[in-house]
Amino acid sequence: MGFHAFREVRPVRRRFWAEIALGTLSGLLFLVTLIWRDWIETLFGVEPDAGSGAVEWLIVAATALVTVLCALGARTEWRRTHPAAAHASR
């Protein structure tokens, strides 16, 4: 074991919490759209894609991407504020 200097843990920025909130919301929208594909038609009474399902698949892809990007951003922010935890997992 080597000597590791103790670093003071800095508080996480608002960006971390924003990424957590946005990632959670987009993840929930991803799941809702994946399970209940006609929620747009039911909720708003419109069919933006004339029933083809293209808009729903676009929402699934976009929310999956946003969820992954927010998770990576939150992880990066967490590791910035907790450097000891970042090196302990290696």
N, C-alpha and C. Protein backbone atom coordinates (compact mmCIF):
# COMPACT_ATOMS: atom_id res chain seq x y z
N MET A 1 0.84 -1.18 0.00
CA MET A 1 0.00 0.00 0.00
C MET A 1 0.87 1.23 0.00
N GLY A 2 0.46 2.20 -0.79
CA GLY A 2 1.19 3.46 -0.84
C GLY A 2 0.54 4.50 0.04
N PHE A 3 1.27 5.57 0.21
CA PHE A 3 0.76 6.68 1.01
C PHE A 3 -0.16 7.53 0.14
N HIS A 4 -1.34 7.77 0.62
CA HIS A 4 -2.29 8.63 -0.09
C HIS A 4 -2.60 9.83 0.79
N ALA A 5 -2.39 10.99 0.26
CA ALA A 5 -2.73 12.21 1.00
C ALA A 5 -4.24 12.35 1.05
N PHE A 6 -4.72 12.71 2.21
CA PHE A 6 -6.16 12.93 2.35
C PHE A 6 -6.53 14.26 1.73
N ARG A 7 -7.50 14.22 0.89
CA ARG A 7 -7.98 15.44 0.26
C ARG A 7 -9.35 15.76 0.83
N GLU A 8 -9.59 17.03 0.98
CA GLU A 8 -10.88 17.45 1.48
C GLU A 8 -11.94 17.24 0.40
N VAL A 9 -13.05 16.69 0.80
CA VAL A 9 -14.14 16.45 -0.14
C VAL A 9 -14.87 17.76 -0.37
N ARG A 10 -14.98 18.14 -1.63
CA ARG A 10 -15.69 19.36 -1.99
C ARG A 10 -17.16 19.05 -2.20
N PRO A 11 -18.03 19.99 -1.91
CA PRO A 11 -19.45 19.74 -2.15
C PRO A 11 -19.73 19.69 -3.66
N VAL A 12 -20.70 18.90 -4.03
CA VAL A 12 -21.05 18.80 -5.45
C VAL A 12 -21.76 20.08 -5.89
N ARG A 13 -21.56 20.42 -7.15
CA ARG A 13 -22.18 21.63 -7.69
C ARG A 13 -23.63 21.36 -8.07
N ARG A 14 -24.34 22.43 -8.36
CA ARG A 14 -25.73 22.31 -8.79
C ARG A 14 -25.83 21.51 -10.08
N ARG A 15 -24.78 21.56 -10.86
CA ARG A 15 -24.76 20.81 -12.12
C ARG A 15 -25.00 19.32 -11.89
N PHE A 16 -24.40 18.77 -10.83
CA PHE A 16 -24.58 17.36 -10.49
C PHE A 16 -26.06 17.06 -10.27
N TRP A 17 -26.72 17.88 -9.46
CA TRP A 17 -28.13 17.66 -9.14
C TRP A 17 -29.01 17.86 -10.37
N ALA A 18 -28.66 18.81 -11.22
CA ALA A 18 -29.42 19.02 -12.46
C ALA A 18 -29.29 17.80 -13.37
N GLU A 19 -28.09 17.23 -13.46
CA GLU A 19 -27.88 16.04 -14.28
C GLU A 19 -28.63 14.84 -13.72
N ILE A 20 -28.64 14.72 -12.41
CA ILE A 20 -29.39 13.63 -11.77
C ILE A 20 -30.88 13.78 -12.05
N ALA A 21 -31.41 14.99 -11.88
CA ALA A 21 -32.85 15.22 -12.09
C ALA A 21 -33.22 15.00 -13.56
N LEU A 22 -32.47 15.59 -14.48
CA LEU A 22 -32.78 15.45 -15.90
C LEU A 22 -32.62 13.99 -16.36
N GLY A 23 -31.58 13.34 -15.87
CA GLY A 23 -31.38 11.93 -16.22
C GLY A 23 -32.49 11.04 -15.71
N THR A 24 -32.97 11.32 -14.51
CA THR A 24 -34.07 10.54 -13.95
C THR A 24 -35.35 10.77 -14.74
N LEU A 25 -35.65 12.02 -15.04
CA LEU A 25 -36.86 12.32 -15.81
C LEU A 25 -36.82 11.71 -17.21
N SER A 26 -35.67 11.82 -17.86
CA SER A 26 -35.57 11.24 -19.20
C SER A 26 -35.61 9.72 -19.15
N GLY A 27 -35.06 9.14 -18.11
CA GLY A 27 -35.14 7.68 -17.95
C GLY A 27 -36.56 7.21 -17.73
N LEU A 28 -37.32 7.97 -16.95
CA LEU A 28 -38.73 7.62 -16.75
C LEU A 28 -39.53 7.78 -18.03
N LEU A 29 -39.28 8.85 -18.77
CA LEU A 29 -39.96 9.04 -20.05
C LEU A 29 -39.59 7.94 -21.04
N PHE A 30 -38.34 7.52 -21.01
CA PHE A 30 -37.88 6.39 -21.84
C PHE A 30 -38.70 5.14 -21.53
N LEU A 31 -38.82 4.82 -20.24
CA LEU A 31 -39.56 3.62 -19.85
C LEU A 31 -41.04 3.72 -20.19
N VAL A 32 -41.64 4.88 -19.91
CA VAL A 32 -43.06 5.07 -20.22
C VAL A 32 -43.31 4.91 -21.71
N THR A 33 -42.46 5.51 -22.53
CA THR A 33 -42.65 5.43 -23.98
C THR A 33 -42.40 4.02 -24.49
N LEU A 34 -41.45 3.33 -23.90
CA LEU A 34 -41.15 1.97 -24.32
C LEU A 34 -42.30 1.01 -23.98
N ILE A 35 -42.92 1.23 -22.83
CA ILE A 35 -44.00 0.34 -22.38
C ILE A 35 -45.36 0.74 -22.95
N TRP A 36 -45.65 2.06 -22.94
CA TRP A 36 -46.97 2.56 -23.35
C TRP A 36 -46.77 3.48 -24.55
N ARG A 37 -46.71 2.90 -25.73
CA ARG A 37 -46.31 3.63 -26.93
C ARG A 37 -47.32 4.68 -27.40
N ASP A 38 -48.57 4.53 -27.08
CA ASP A 38 -49.55 5.51 -27.56
C ASP A 38 -49.94 6.54 -26.49
N TRP A 39 -49.04 6.84 -25.57
CA TRP A 39 -49.35 7.80 -24.52
C TRP A 39 -49.54 9.21 -25.08
N ILE A 40 -48.86 9.55 -26.16
CA ILE A 40 -49.01 10.89 -26.75
C ILE A 40 -50.43 11.05 -27.30
N GLU A 41 -50.90 10.04 -28.02
CA GLU A 41 -52.24 10.09 -28.58
C GLU A 41 -53.30 10.13 -27.47
N THR A 42 -53.10 9.33 -26.43
CA THR A 42 -54.06 9.27 -25.32
C THR A 42 -54.07 10.57 -24.53
N LEU A 43 -52.90 11.08 -24.20
CA LEU A 43 -52.79 12.26 -23.35
C LEU A 43 -53.17 13.54 -24.07
N PHE A 44 -52.70 13.72 -25.29
CA PHE A 44 -52.91 14.98 -26.00
C PHE A 44 -53.99 14.92 -27.08
N GLY A 45 -54.43 13.73 -27.45
CA GLY A 45 -55.47 13.59 -28.46
C GLY A 45 -55.02 13.90 -29.87
N VAL A 46 -53.74 13.80 -30.15
CA VAL A 46 -53.21 14.04 -31.50
C VAL A 46 -52.36 12.84 -31.91
N GLU A 47 -52.25 12.65 -33.21
CA GLU A 47 -51.39 11.60 -33.75
C GLU A 47 -50.34 12.27 -34.62
N PRO A 48 -49.18 12.62 -34.06
CA PRO A 48 -48.18 13.36 -34.82
C PRO A 48 -47.56 12.58 -35.97
N ASP A 49 -47.61 11.26 -35.90
CA ASP A 49 -47.00 10.44 -36.96
C ASP A 49 -48.03 9.60 -37.70
N ALA A 50 -49.29 9.97 -37.58
CA ALA A 50 -50.40 9.26 -38.24
C ALA A 50 -50.46 7.79 -37.87
N GLY A 51 -50.06 7.46 -36.64
CA GLY A 51 -50.16 6.09 -36.16
C GLY A 51 -49.02 5.17 -36.53
N SER A 52 -47.95 5.70 -37.14
CA SER A 52 -46.85 4.83 -37.57
C SER A 52 -45.92 4.44 -36.42
N GLY A 53 -45.90 5.23 -35.35
CA GLY A 53 -45.02 4.94 -34.22
C GLY A 53 -43.64 5.54 -34.34
N ALA A 54 -43.39 6.29 -35.40
CA ALA A 54 -42.05 6.88 -35.61
C ALA A 54 -41.69 7.89 -34.54
N VAL A 55 -42.66 8.69 -34.12
CA VAL A 55 -42.39 9.70 -33.09
C VAL A 55 -42.05 9.02 -31.77
N GLU A 56 -42.76 7.96 -31.46
CA GLU A 56 -42.49 7.24 -30.22
C GLU A 56 -41.07 6.65 -30.22
N TRP A 57 -40.65 6.09 -31.34
CA TRP A 57 -39.30 5.53 -31.41
C TRP A 57 -38.24 6.63 -31.35
N LEU A 58 -38.56 7.79 -31.90
CA LEU A 58 -37.66 8.93 -31.79
C LEU A 58 -37.54 9.38 -30.33
N ILE A 59 -38.65 9.39 -29.61
CA ILE A 59 -38.63 9.74 -28.19
C ILE A 59 -37.82 8.72 -27.40
N VAL A 60 -38.00 7.44 -27.70
CA VAL A 60 -37.24 6.39 -27.02
C VAL A 60 -35.74 6.59 -27.23
N ALA A 61 -35.34 6.82 -28.47
CA ALA A 61 -33.91 7.00 -28.77
C ALA A 61 -33.36 8.27 -28.12
N ALA A 62 -34.10 9.37 -28.21
CA ALA A 62 -33.62 10.64 -27.65
C ALA A 62 -33.52 10.58 -26.13
N THR A 63 -34.53 10.00 -25.48
CA THR A 63 -34.48 9.93 -24.01
C THR A 63 -33.42 8.95 -23.52
N ALA A 64 -33.18 7.89 -24.27
CA ALA A 64 -32.10 6.97 -23.89
C ALA A 64 -30.75 7.69 -23.98
N LEU A 65 -30.54 8.46 -25.03
CA LEU A 65 -29.31 9.21 -25.20
C LEU A 65 -29.14 10.24 -24.08
N VAL A 66 -30.19 11.00 -23.79
CA VAL A 66 -30.13 12.01 -22.72
C VAL A 66 -29.84 11.36 -21.38
N THR A 67 -30.46 10.22 -21.10
CA THR A 67 -30.23 9.51 -19.84
C THR A 67 -28.78 9.08 -19.69
N VAL A 68 -28.21 8.52 -20.74
CA VAL A 68 -26.81 8.08 -20.70
C VAL A 68 -25.87 9.27 -20.54
N LEU A 69 -26.11 10.34 -21.29
CA LEU A 69 -25.25 11.52 -21.19
C LEU A 69 -25.33 12.18 -19.82
N CYS A 70 -26.52 12.23 -19.25
CA CYS A 70 -26.66 12.79 -17.90
C CYS A 70 -25.98 11.91 -16.86
N ALA A 71 -26.08 10.61 -17.01
CA ALA A 71 -25.41 9.70 -16.07
C ALA A 71 -23.89 9.86 -16.15
N LEU A 72 -23.35 9.98 -17.35
CA LEU A 72 -21.91 10.19 -17.50
C LEU A 72 -21.49 11.54 -16.95
N GLY A 73 -22.29 12.57 -17.18
CA GLY A 73 -21.98 13.89 -16.65
C GLY A 73 -22.02 13.92 -15.13
N ALA A 74 -23.02 13.28 -14.54
CA ALA A 74 -23.12 13.22 -13.08
C ALA A 74 -21.96 12.42 -12.49
N ARG A 75 -21.57 11.35 -13.16
CA ARG A 75 -20.42 10.55 -12.70
C ARG A 75 -19.14 11.38 -12.73
N THR A 76 -18.95 12.13 -13.81
CA THR A 76 -17.77 12.98 -13.92
C THR A 76 -17.76 14.04 -12.82
N GLU A 77 -18.90 14.65 -12.58
CA GLU A 77 -19.00 15.67 -11.54
C GLU A 77 -18.75 15.07 -10.16
N TRP A 78 -19.27 13.88 -9.91
CA TRP A 78 -19.06 13.22 -8.63
C TRP A 78 -17.58 12.91 -8.42
N ARG A 79 -16.93 12.41 -9.45
CA ARG A 79 -15.51 12.08 -9.34
C ARG A 79 -14.65 13.33 -9.17
N ARG A 80 -15.11 14.48 -9.70
CA ARG A 80 -14.39 15.73 -9.51
C ARG A 80 -14.40 16.15 -8.05
N THR A 81 -15.51 15.92 -7.38
CA THR A 81 -15.65 16.37 -5.99
C THR A 81 -15.21 15.32 -4.98
N HIS A 82 -15.09 14.09 -5.39
CA HIS A 82 -14.68 13.00 -4.50
C HIS A 82 -13.50 12.25 -5.12
N PRO A 83 -12.32 12.87 -5.16
CA PRO A 83 -11.18 12.24 -5.85
C PRO A 83 -10.70 10.94 -5.21
N ALA A 84 -10.84 10.80 -3.90
CA ALA A 84 -10.41 9.56 -3.25
C ALA A 84 -11.27 8.37 -3.70
N ALA A 85 -12.55 8.60 -3.86
CA ALA A 85 -13.44 7.53 -4.32
C ALA A 85 -13.16 7.16 -5.76
N ALA A 86 -12.72 8.11 -6.54
CA ALA A 86 -12.42 7.85 -7.95
C ALA A 86 -11.22 6.92 -8.09
N HIS A 87 -10.25 7.06 -7.22
CA HIS A 87 -9.04 6.23 -7.32
C HIS A 87 -9.19 4.90 -6.58
N ALA A 88 -10.13 4.80 -5.66
CA ALA A 88 -10.31 3.57 -4.90
C ALA A 88 -10.87 2.46 -5.78
N SER A 89 -11.59 2.79 -6.85
CA SER A 89 -12.21 1.77 -7.68
C SER A 89 -11.25 1.17 -8.70
N ARG A 90 -10.06 1.69 -8.80
CA ARG A 90 -9.10 1.17 -9.78
C ARG A 90 -8.36 -0.03 -9.30
